Amino acid sequence: MRTDTFEKQQKIITEFCHSDKSNSFKLIYIFGNVSTGKTSILNTIQTELLNNDSSCKIKHATADNITVHFLREFKNGTVNKFLEYYLLYDFILIDEYEFLDRRPKTNELFYYLINRVIAHNKRVLITSANPDGLPKSLRKLSCKMAIMDMDKNKIQRRGIRKNKE
């Protein structure tokens, strides 16, 4: 990995972990082929968050685990309980998002969940082995986000620009 790209990644990760919630990245989406360090970065961020603030509430799960949780609550008729559960956390770390790519309805569920979490000033980090980048369902999000391509060592920043008054 090029040093300048690593430094850019480090800067984004530091901002995600340490900045004031109101102006920080709300979503980091890391994608690339298998064995490119995505899960390692996710684990490093979790450690950094806890080192920075031991009272920080972090939910670290695979996309598949979250799907199973949703299906259980849906079956029980308690979908609101599912949604409220994720609002208990300051940071949601989702690994292996690629398994949702062929499940459009589940993708929409994740969009709704992530949008709701971000609206409550929480932050989300997602990893995916899908080489196509940000899924269509997540492109609709209107928040400050960073998209890291581990294969090409590229970072894309997206966000809402506010007019200066």
N, C-alpha and C. Protein backbone atom coordinates (compact mmCIF):
# COMPACT_ATOMS: atom_id res chain seq x y z
N MET A 1 0.84 -1.17 0.00
CA MET A 1 0.00 0.00 0.00
C MET A 1 0.89 1.24 0.00
N ARG A 2 0.52 2.21 -0.82
CA ARG A 2 1.29 3.44 -0.87
C ARG A 2 1.18 4.19 0.44
N THR A 3 2.26 4.83 0.83
CA THR A 3 2.31 5.54 2.10
C THR A 3 1.28 6.66 2.16
N ASP A 4 1.13 7.44 1.05
CA ASP A 4 0.19 8.56 1.08
C ASP A 4 -1.25 8.07 1.23
N THR A 5 -1.58 6.92 0.64
CA THR A 5 -2.92 6.36 0.79
C THR A 5 -3.13 5.89 2.22
N PHE A 6 -2.12 5.25 2.80
CA PHE A 6 -2.22 4.82 4.19
C PHE A 6 -2.44 6.01 5.11
N GLU A 7 -1.72 7.10 4.84
CA GLU A 7 -1.86 8.30 5.67
C GLU A 7 -3.27 8.89 5.54
N LYS A 8 -3.84 8.86 4.33
CA LYS A 8 -5.21 9.34 4.14
C LYS A 8 -6.19 8.45 4.90
N GLN A 9 -5.98 7.14 4.81
CA GLN A 9 -6.85 6.21 5.55
C GLN A 9 -6.74 6.48 7.04
N GLN A 10 -5.53 6.65 7.52
CA GLN A 10 -5.31 6.90 8.95
C GLN A 10 -6.01 8.18 9.39
N LYS A 11 -5.95 9.21 8.56
CA LYS A 11 -6.60 10.48 8.90
C LYS A 11 -8.12 10.30 9.00
N ILE A 12 -8.70 9.60 8.06
CA ILE A 12 -10.15 9.36 8.08
C ILE A 12 -10.54 8.52 9.29
N ILE A 13 -9.77 7.48 9.56
CA ILE A 13 -10.06 6.61 10.70
C ILE A 13 -9.94 7.39 12.01
N THR A 14 -8.91 8.23 12.12
CA THR A 14 -8.74 9.04 13.32
C THR A 14 -9.93 9.98 13.50
N GLU A 15 -10.35 10.61 12.42
CA GLU A 15 -11.52 11.50 12.50
C GLU A 15 -12.76 10.71 12.91
N PHE A 16 -12.94 9.54 12.34
CA PHE A 16 -14.09 8.69 12.67
C PHE A 16 -14.10 8.33 14.15
N CYS A 17 -12.93 8.02 14.68
CA CYS A 17 -12.82 7.56 16.07
C CYS A 17 -12.82 8.68 17.10
N HIS A 18 -12.26 9.83 16.76
CA HIS A 18 -11.99 10.84 17.78
C HIS A 18 -12.72 12.17 17.62
N SER A 19 -13.29 12.44 16.48
CA SER A 19 -13.89 13.76 16.26
C SER A 19 -15.25 13.88 16.91
N ASP A 20 -15.64 15.13 17.08
CA ASP A 20 -16.98 15.45 17.56
C ASP A 20 -17.99 14.78 16.62
N LYS A 21 -18.99 14.18 17.18
CA LYS A 21 -19.98 13.44 16.39
C LYS A 21 -20.67 14.31 15.35
N SER A 22 -20.84 15.58 15.60
CA SER A 22 -21.63 16.42 14.71
C SER A 22 -20.97 16.67 13.36
N ASN A 23 -19.65 16.64 13.28
CA ASN A 23 -19.00 16.94 12.01
C ASN A 23 -18.11 15.81 11.50
N SER A 24 -18.18 14.67 12.10
CA SER A 24 -17.33 13.55 11.71
C SER A 24 -17.95 12.74 10.58
N PHE A 25 -17.15 11.85 10.02
CA PHE A 25 -17.69 10.89 9.07
C PHE A 25 -18.74 10.06 9.79
N LYS A 26 -19.89 9.90 9.18
CA LYS A 26 -20.96 9.08 9.75
C LYS A 26 -20.86 7.64 9.27
N LEU A 27 -20.27 7.46 8.09
CA LEU A 27 -20.17 6.13 7.50
C LEU A 27 -18.81 5.97 6.83
N ILE A 28 -18.16 4.86 7.13
CA ILE A 28 -16.98 4.44 6.38
C ILE A 28 -17.32 3.11 5.76
N TYR A 29 -17.15 3.03 4.45
CA TYR A 29 -17.43 1.79 3.71
C TYR A 29 -16.10 1.33 3.12
N ILE A 30 -15.62 0.18 3.56
CA ILE A 30 -14.34 -0.36 3.10
C ILE A 30 -14.63 -1.60 2.26
N PHE A 31 -14.15 -1.58 1.01
CA PHE A 31 -14.41 -2.73 0.15
C PHE A 31 -13.14 -3.16 -0.58
N GLY A 32 -13.14 -4.40 -1.02
CA GLY A 32 -12.01 -4.95 -1.75
C GLY A 32 -12.06 -6.46 -1.72
N ASN A 33 -11.16 -7.06 -2.44
CA ASN A 33 -11.11 -8.52 -2.50
C ASN A 33 -10.79 -9.11 -1.13
N VAL A 34 -10.93 -10.42 -1.04
CA VAL A 34 -10.61 -11.16 0.18
C VAL A 34 -9.14 -10.96 0.52
N SER A 35 -8.83 -10.87 1.79
CA SER A 35 -7.45 -10.75 2.31
C SER A 35 -6.76 -9.45 1.93
N THR A 36 -7.52 -8.36 1.92
CA THR A 36 -6.90 -7.05 1.67
C THR A 36 -6.84 -6.18 2.93
N GLY A 37 -7.23 -6.74 4.08
CA GLY A 37 -7.08 -6.04 5.35
C GLY A 37 -8.31 -5.32 5.87
N LYS A 38 -9.47 -5.57 5.26
CA LYS A 38 -10.70 -4.88 5.68
C LYS A 38 -11.08 -5.20 7.12
N THR A 39 -11.14 -6.47 7.45
CA THR A 39 -11.52 -6.88 8.81
C THR A 39 -10.46 -6.44 9.81
N SER A 40 -9.22 -6.44 9.40
CA SER A 40 -8.14 -5.97 10.27
C SER A 40 -8.34 -4.49 10.62
N ILE A 41 -8.70 -3.68 9.62
CA ILE A 41 -8.97 -2.27 9.88
C ILE A 41 -10.16 -2.13 10.82
N LEU A 42 -11.21 -2.91 10.58
CA LEU A 42 -12.40 -2.87 11.44
C LEU A 42 -12.03 -3.19 12.88
N ASN A 43 -11.24 -4.23 13.09
CA ASN A 43 -10.82 -4.61 14.44
C ASN A 43 -9.93 -3.54 15.08
N THR A 44 -9.06 -2.93 14.28
CA THR A 44 -8.21 -1.85 14.78
C THR A 44 -9.04 -0.66 15.22
N ILE A 45 -10.05 -0.33 14.43
CA ILE A 45 -10.94 0.78 14.79
C ILE A 45 -11.67 0.48 16.08
N GLN A 46 -12.15 -0.74 16.24
CA GLN A 46 -12.85 -1.11 17.48
C GLN A 46 -11.92 -0.93 18.68
N THR A 47 -10.69 -1.39 18.56
CA THR A 47 -9.71 -1.24 19.64
C THR A 47 -9.44 0.23 19.92
N GLU A 48 -9.27 1.02 18.86
CA GLU A 48 -9.00 2.45 19.01
C GLU A 48 -10.17 3.16 19.70
N LEU A 49 -11.38 2.81 19.32
CA LEU A 49 -12.55 3.42 19.95
C LEU A 49 -12.59 3.13 21.44
N LEU A 50 -12.34 1.88 21.81
CA LEU A 50 -12.36 1.50 23.23
C LEU A 50 -11.20 2.11 24.00
N ASN A 51 -10.04 2.23 23.36
CA ASN A 51 -8.90 2.88 24.01
C ASN A 51 -9.18 4.36 24.24
N ASN A 52 -9.88 4.97 23.31
CA ASN A 52 -10.21 6.39 23.41
C ASN A 52 -11.28 6.66 24.46
N ASP A 53 -12.26 5.75 24.57
CA ASP A 53 -13.36 5.94 25.50
C ASP A 53 -13.91 4.57 25.89
N SER A 54 -13.53 4.09 27.05
CA SER A 54 -13.93 2.74 27.47
C SER A 54 -15.44 2.62 27.69
N SER A 55 -16.14 3.73 27.80
CA SER A 55 -17.60 3.67 27.96
C SER A 55 -18.34 3.67 26.62
N CYS A 56 -17.57 3.76 25.54
CA CYS A 56 -18.14 3.77 24.20
C CYS A 56 -18.88 2.45 23.94
N LYS A 57 -20.08 2.56 23.39
CA LYS A 57 -20.87 1.36 23.10
C LYS A 57 -20.72 1.01 21.62
N ILE A 58 -20.19 -0.20 21.38
CA ILE A 58 -19.88 -0.65 20.03
C ILE A 58 -20.61 -1.96 19.75
N LYS A 59 -21.27 -2.02 18.61
CA LYS A 59 -21.87 -3.28 18.15
C LYS A 59 -21.06 -3.73 16.94
N HIS A 60 -20.43 -4.89 17.08
CA HIS A 60 -19.61 -5.47 16.01
C HIS A 60 -20.28 -6.77 15.60
N ALA A 61 -20.75 -6.84 14.37
CA ALA A 61 -21.46 -8.04 13.91
C ALA A 61 -21.28 -8.21 12.41
N THR A 62 -21.50 -9.43 11.95
CA THR A 62 -21.52 -9.65 10.51
C THR A 62 -22.89 -9.25 9.98
N ALA A 63 -22.95 -8.95 8.71
CA ALA A 63 -24.24 -8.62 8.09
C ALA A 63 -25.20 -9.79 8.23
N ASP A 64 -24.66 -10.99 8.14
CA ASP A 64 -25.50 -12.19 8.28
C ASP A 64 -26.11 -12.28 9.68
N ASN A 65 -25.33 -11.98 10.71
CA ASN A 65 -25.86 -12.01 12.09
C ASN A 65 -26.98 -10.99 12.27
N ILE A 66 -26.81 -9.81 11.68
CA ILE A 66 -27.84 -8.78 11.79
C ILE A 66 -29.10 -9.22 11.06
N THR A 67 -28.92 -9.87 9.91
CA THR A 67 -30.07 -10.39 9.16
C THR A 67 -30.83 -11.43 9.97
N VAL A 68 -30.11 -12.35 10.60
CA VAL A 68 -30.75 -13.37 11.43
C VAL A 68 -31.51 -12.71 12.59
N HIS A 69 -30.89 -11.70 13.20
CA HIS A 69 -31.55 -10.97 14.29
C HIS A 69 -32.85 -10.33 13.79
N PHE A 70 -32.78 -9.69 12.62
CA PHE A 70 -33.98 -9.06 12.06
C PHE A 70 -35.07 -10.10 11.80
N LEU A 71 -34.71 -11.21 11.17
CA LEU A 71 -35.71 -12.24 10.85
C LEU A 71 -36.38 -12.79 12.11
N ARG A 72 -35.61 -12.94 13.18
CA ARG A 72 -36.17 -13.41 14.44
C ARG A 72 -37.18 -12.41 14.98
N GLU A 73 -36.82 -11.13 14.97
CA GLU A 73 -37.73 -10.09 15.47
C GLU A 73 -38.94 -9.94 14.56
N PHE A 74 -38.73 -10.08 13.26
CA PHE A 74 -39.84 -9.99 12.30
C PHE A 74 -40.85 -11.11 12.56
N LYS A 75 -40.32 -12.31 12.76
CA LYS A 75 -41.16 -13.48 13.03
C LYS A 75 -41.96 -13.28 14.32
N ASN A 76 -41.35 -12.63 15.31
CA ASN A 76 -42.00 -12.38 16.60
C ASN A 76 -42.89 -11.14 16.58
N GLY A 77 -42.87 -10.42 15.45
CA GLY A 77 -43.67 -9.19 15.36
C GLY A 77 -43.10 -8.03 16.14
N THR A 78 -41.79 -8.05 16.36
CA THR A 78 -41.14 -7.00 17.17
C THR A 78 -40.02 -6.31 16.40
N VAL A 79 -40.32 -5.88 15.17
CA VAL A 79 -39.31 -5.21 14.34
C VAL A 79 -38.82 -3.92 15.00
N ASN A 80 -39.71 -3.19 15.66
CA ASN A 80 -39.27 -1.96 16.35
C ASN A 80 -38.23 -2.26 17.41
N LYS A 81 -38.36 -3.40 18.07
CA LYS A 81 -37.36 -3.82 19.07
C LYS A 81 -35.99 -3.97 18.40
N PHE A 82 -35.98 -4.54 17.20
CA PHE A 82 -34.75 -4.71 16.42
C PHE A 82 -34.13 -3.34 16.13
N LEU A 83 -34.93 -2.41 15.64
CA LEU A 83 -34.42 -1.08 15.29
C LEU A 83 -33.93 -0.33 16.52
N GLU A 84 -34.66 -0.40 17.60
CA GLU A 84 -34.27 0.29 18.83
C GLU A 84 -32.97 -0.29 19.40
N TYR A 85 -32.76 -1.57 19.23
CA TYR A 85 -31.56 -2.24 19.74
C TYR A 85 -30.30 -1.56 19.20
N TYR A 86 -30.28 -1.26 17.91
CA TYR A 86 -29.08 -0.69 17.31
C TYR A 86 -28.88 0.77 17.68
N LEU A 87 -29.93 1.42 18.15
CA LEU A 87 -29.78 2.80 18.62
C LEU A 87 -29.11 2.88 19.99
N LEU A 88 -28.95 1.75 20.65
CA LEU A 88 -28.27 1.72 21.95
C LEU A 88 -26.77 1.93 21.81
N TYR A 89 -26.24 1.78 20.60
CA TYR A 89 -24.79 1.81 20.38
C TYR A 89 -24.35 3.13 19.76
N ASP A 90 -23.12 3.52 20.08
CA ASP A 90 -22.51 4.72 19.49
C ASP A 90 -21.95 4.42 18.10
N PHE A 91 -21.41 3.21 17.95
CA PHE A 91 -20.80 2.78 16.70
C PHE A 91 -21.32 1.41 16.32
N ILE A 92 -21.66 1.24 15.05
CA ILE A 92 -22.07 -0.05 14.52
C ILE A 92 -21.00 -0.47 13.51
N LEU A 93 -20.35 -1.60 13.75
CA LEU A 93 -19.32 -2.12 12.86
C LEU A 93 -19.86 -3.38 12.21
N ILE A 94 -20.04 -3.33 10.89
CA ILE A 94 -20.66 -4.44 10.15
C ILE A 94 -19.63 -5.04 9.20
N ASP A 95 -19.36 -6.32 9.39
CA ASP A 95 -18.40 -7.04 8.56
C ASP A 95 -19.16 -7.94 7.58
N GLU A 96 -18.52 -8.20 6.45
CA GLU A 96 -19.02 -9.15 5.44
C GLU A 96 -20.36 -8.73 4.84
N TYR A 97 -20.47 -7.47 4.49
CA TYR A 97 -21.69 -6.94 3.88
C TYR A 97 -21.98 -7.57 2.52
N GLU A 98 -20.96 -8.13 1.88
CA GLU A 98 -21.11 -8.68 0.53
C GLU A 98 -22.18 -9.77 0.44
N PHE A 99 -22.49 -10.41 1.56
CA PHE A 99 -23.47 -11.48 1.53
C PHE A 99 -24.89 -10.95 1.32
N LEU A 100 -25.07 -9.65 1.36
CA LEU A 100 -26.39 -9.06 1.13
C LEU A 100 -26.60 -8.64 -0.31
N ASP A 101 -25.56 -8.69 -1.12
CA ASP A 101 -25.64 -8.18 -2.48
C ASP A 101 -26.73 -8.83 -3.32
N ARG A 102 -27.03 -10.07 -3.07
CA ARG A 102 -28.05 -10.77 -3.85
C ARG A 102 -29.41 -10.79 -3.14
N ARG A 103 -29.54 -9.99 -2.11
CA ARG A 103 -30.78 -9.93 -1.34
C ARG A 103 -31.30 -8.49 -1.33
N PRO A 104 -32.01 -8.08 -2.38
CA PRO A 104 -32.43 -6.68 -2.46
C PRO A 104 -33.30 -6.22 -1.29
N LYS A 105 -34.19 -7.06 -0.80
CA LYS A 105 -35.06 -6.64 0.31
C LYS A 105 -34.24 -6.46 1.59
N THR A 106 -33.27 -7.34 1.80
CA THR A 106 -32.41 -7.21 2.97
C THR A 106 -31.52 -5.97 2.84
N ASN A 107 -31.07 -5.68 1.62
CA ASN A 107 -30.30 -4.46 1.36
C ASN A 107 -31.11 -3.23 1.74
N GLU A 108 -32.39 -3.23 1.40
CA GLU A 108 -33.25 -2.10 1.75
C GLU A 108 -33.41 -1.99 3.26
N LEU A 109 -33.51 -3.13 3.95
CA LEU A 109 -33.58 -3.13 5.41
C LEU A 109 -32.33 -2.47 5.99
N PHE A 110 -31.16 -2.84 5.46
CA PHE A 110 -29.92 -2.27 5.96
C PHE A 110 -29.86 -0.77 5.69
N TYR A 111 -30.35 -0.36 4.52
CA TYR A 111 -30.40 1.08 4.23
C TYR A 111 -31.23 1.79 5.29
N TYR A 112 -32.40 1.25 5.57
CA TYR A 112 -33.29 1.86 6.56
C TYR A 112 -32.63 1.88 7.94
N LEU A 113 -32.03 0.76 8.33
CA LEU A 113 -31.37 0.68 9.64
C LEU A 113 -30.23 1.68 9.73
N ILE A 114 -29.36 1.70 8.72
CA ILE A 114 -28.19 2.58 8.74
C ILE A 114 -28.64 4.05 8.71
N ASN A 115 -29.61 4.36 7.88
CA ASN A 115 -30.12 5.72 7.81
C ASN A 115 -30.68 6.17 9.16
N ARG A 116 -31.39 5.29 9.82
CA ARG A 116 -31.96 5.61 11.13
C ARG A 116 -30.86 5.80 12.18
N VAL A 117 -29.88 4.92 12.17
CA VAL A 117 -28.77 5.01 13.12
C VAL A 117 -28.01 6.33 12.92
N ILE A 118 -27.73 6.66 11.67
CA ILE A 118 -27.00 7.90 11.36
C ILE A 118 -27.83 9.12 11.75
N ALA A 119 -29.14 9.06 11.53
CA ALA A 119 -30.02 10.18 11.91
C ALA A 119 -29.99 10.44 13.41
N HIS A 120 -29.64 9.42 14.18
CA HIS A 120 -29.51 9.57 15.64
C HIS A 120 -28.06 9.86 16.05
N ASN A 121 -27.28 10.36 15.10
CA ASN A 121 -25.90 10.80 15.34
C ASN A 121 -24.97 9.67 15.77
N LYS A 122 -25.24 8.48 15.29
CA LYS A 122 -24.36 7.33 15.52
C LYS A 122 -23.47 7.19 14.30
N ARG A 123 -22.46 6.35 14.39
CA ARG A 123 -21.54 6.15 13.26
C ARG A 123 -21.49 4.68 12.88
N VAL A 124 -21.26 4.45 11.58
CA VAL A 124 -21.31 3.10 11.03
C VAL A 124 -20.06 2.85 10.19
N LEU A 125 -19.48 1.67 10.36
CA LEU A 125 -18.38 1.22 9.51
C LEU A 125 -18.81 -0.12 8.91
N ILE A 126 -18.65 -0.25 7.60
CA ILE A 126 -19.05 -1.47 6.89
C ILE A 126 -17.87 -1.97 6.07
N THR A 127 -17.64 -3.29 6.10
CA THR A 127 -16.66 -3.89 5.20
C THR A 127 -17.38 -4.83 4.24
N SER A 128 -16.82 -4.94 3.03
CA SER A 128 -17.41 -5.82 2.03
C SER A 128 -16.34 -6.32 1.07
N ALA A 129 -16.45 -7.58 0.70
CA ALA A 129 -15.55 -8.15 -0.30
C ALA A 129 -16.09 -7.97 -1.71
N ASN A 130 -17.16 -7.21 -1.85
CA ASN A 130 -17.70 -6.92 -3.18
C ASN A 130 -16.81 -5.87 -3.84
N PRO A 131 -16.23 -6.19 -5.00
CA PRO A 131 -15.31 -5.25 -5.64
C PRO A 131 -16.02 -4.10 -6.36
N ASP A 132 -17.35 -4.06 -6.32
CA ASP A 132 -18.10 -3.03 -7.06
C ASP A 132 -18.29 -1.73 -6.29
N GLY A 133 -17.83 -1.67 -5.07
CA GLY A 133 -17.96 -0.44 -4.30
C GLY A 133 -19.26 -0.34 -3.54
N LEU A 134 -19.67 0.88 -3.28
CA LEU A 134 -20.84 1.16 -2.46
C LEU A 134 -22.10 0.61 -3.12
N PRO A 135 -22.87 -0.22 -2.41
CA PRO A 135 -24.10 -0.77 -2.98
C PRO A 135 -25.11 0.33 -3.30
N LYS A 136 -25.94 0.09 -4.31
CA LYS A 136 -26.93 1.09 -4.72
C LYS A 136 -27.80 1.54 -3.56
N SER A 137 -28.19 0.60 -2.72
CA SER A 137 -29.08 0.96 -1.61
C SER A 137 -28.44 1.97 -0.66
N LEU A 138 -27.11 1.91 -0.49
CA LEU A 138 -26.43 2.83 0.42
C LEU A 138 -26.05 4.15 -0.25
N ARG A 139 -26.11 4.20 -1.57
CA ARG A 139 -25.78 5.45 -2.28
C ARG A 139 -26.81 6.54 -2.00
N LYS A 140 -27.97 6.15 -1.53
CA LYS A 140 -29.04 7.11 -1.23
C LYS A 140 -28.80 7.86 0.08
N LEU A 141 -27.87 7.38 0.88
CA LEU A 141 -27.61 8.03 2.17
C LEU A 141 -27.04 9.42 1.95
N SER A 142 -27.51 10.38 2.71
CA SER A 142 -27.00 11.74 2.59
C SER A 142 -26.28 12.11 3.89
N CYS A 143 -25.07 11.62 3.99
CA CYS A 143 -24.26 11.90 5.18
C CYS A 143 -22.80 11.98 4.75
N LYS A 144 -21.98 12.47 5.65
CA LYS A 144 -20.54 12.53 5.37
C LYS A 144 -20.00 11.11 5.46
N MET A 145 -19.43 10.64 4.36
CA MET A 145 -18.92 9.26 4.33
C MET A 145 -17.60 9.18 3.59
N ALA A 146 -16.86 8.11 3.90
CA ALA A 146 -15.62 7.80 3.19
C ALA A 146 -15.77 6.40 2.63
N ILE A 147 -15.35 6.24 1.38
CA ILE A 147 -15.41 4.94 0.72
C ILE A 147 -13.97 4.56 0.37
N MET A 148 -13.50 3.46 0.95
CA MET A 148 -12.10 3.04 0.77
C MET A 148 -12.05 1.79 -0.10
N ASP A 149 -11.35 1.90 -1.22
CA ASP A 149 -11.15 0.77 -2.13
C ASP A 149 -9.79 0.16 -1.80
N MET A 150 -9.80 -0.99 -1.16
CA MET A 150 -8.56 -1.63 -0.72
C MET A 150 -7.77 -2.21 -1.89
N ASP A 151 -8.44 -2.55 -3.00
CA ASP A 151 -7.74 -3.11 -4.15
C ASP A 151 -6.95 -2.05 -4.91
N LYS A 152 -7.53 -0.88 -5.06
CA LYS A 152 -6.90 0.19 -5.83
C LYS A 152 -6.24 1.25 -4.95
N ASN A 153 -6.32 1.06 -3.63
CA ASN A 153 -5.76 2.03 -2.68
C ASN A 153 -6.30 3.44 -2.93
N LYS A 154 -7.62 3.52 -3.12
CA LYS A 154 -8.25 4.82 -3.36
C LYS A 154 -9.26 5.10 -2.27
N ILE A 155 -9.45 6.38 -2.02
CA ILE A 155 -10.44 6.83 -1.04
C ILE A 155 -11.33 7.86 -1.72
N GLN A 156 -12.62 7.69 -1.57
CA GLN A 156 -13.58 8.67 -2.07
C GLN A 156 -14.31 9.24 -0.87
N ARG A 157 -14.41 10.55 -0.84
CA ARG A 157 -15.15 11.21 0.24
C ARG A 157 -16.45 11.74 -0.35
N ARG A 158 -17.52 11.56 0.40
CA ARG A 158 -18.81 12.09 -0.01
C ARG A 158 -19.39 12.81 1.19
N GLY A 159 -20.13 13.84 0.93
CA GLY A 159 -20.76 14.54 2.04
C GLY A 159 -21.68 15.63 1.57
N ILE A 160 -22.35 16.20 2.51
CA ILE A 160 -23.25 17.30 2.22
C ILE A 160 -22.52 18.59 2.51
N ARG A 161 -22.53 19.47 1.56
CA ARG A 161 -21.91 20.78 1.78
C ARG A 161 -22.98 21.74 2.25
N LYS A 162 -22.67 22.42 3.30
CA LYS A 162 -23.63 23.40 3.83
C LYS A 162 -23.21 24.78 3.37
N ASN A 163 -24.19 25.58 2.98
CA ASN A 163 -23.91 26.95 2.56
C ASN A 163 -23.45 27.76 3.76
N LYS A 164 -22.41 28.55 3.53
CA LYS A 164 -21.93 29.42 4.61
C LYS A 164 -22.81 30.65 4.65
N GLU A 165 -23.22 31.02 5.82
CA GLU A 165 -24.11 32.17 5.98
C GLU A 165 -23.30 33.36 6.40
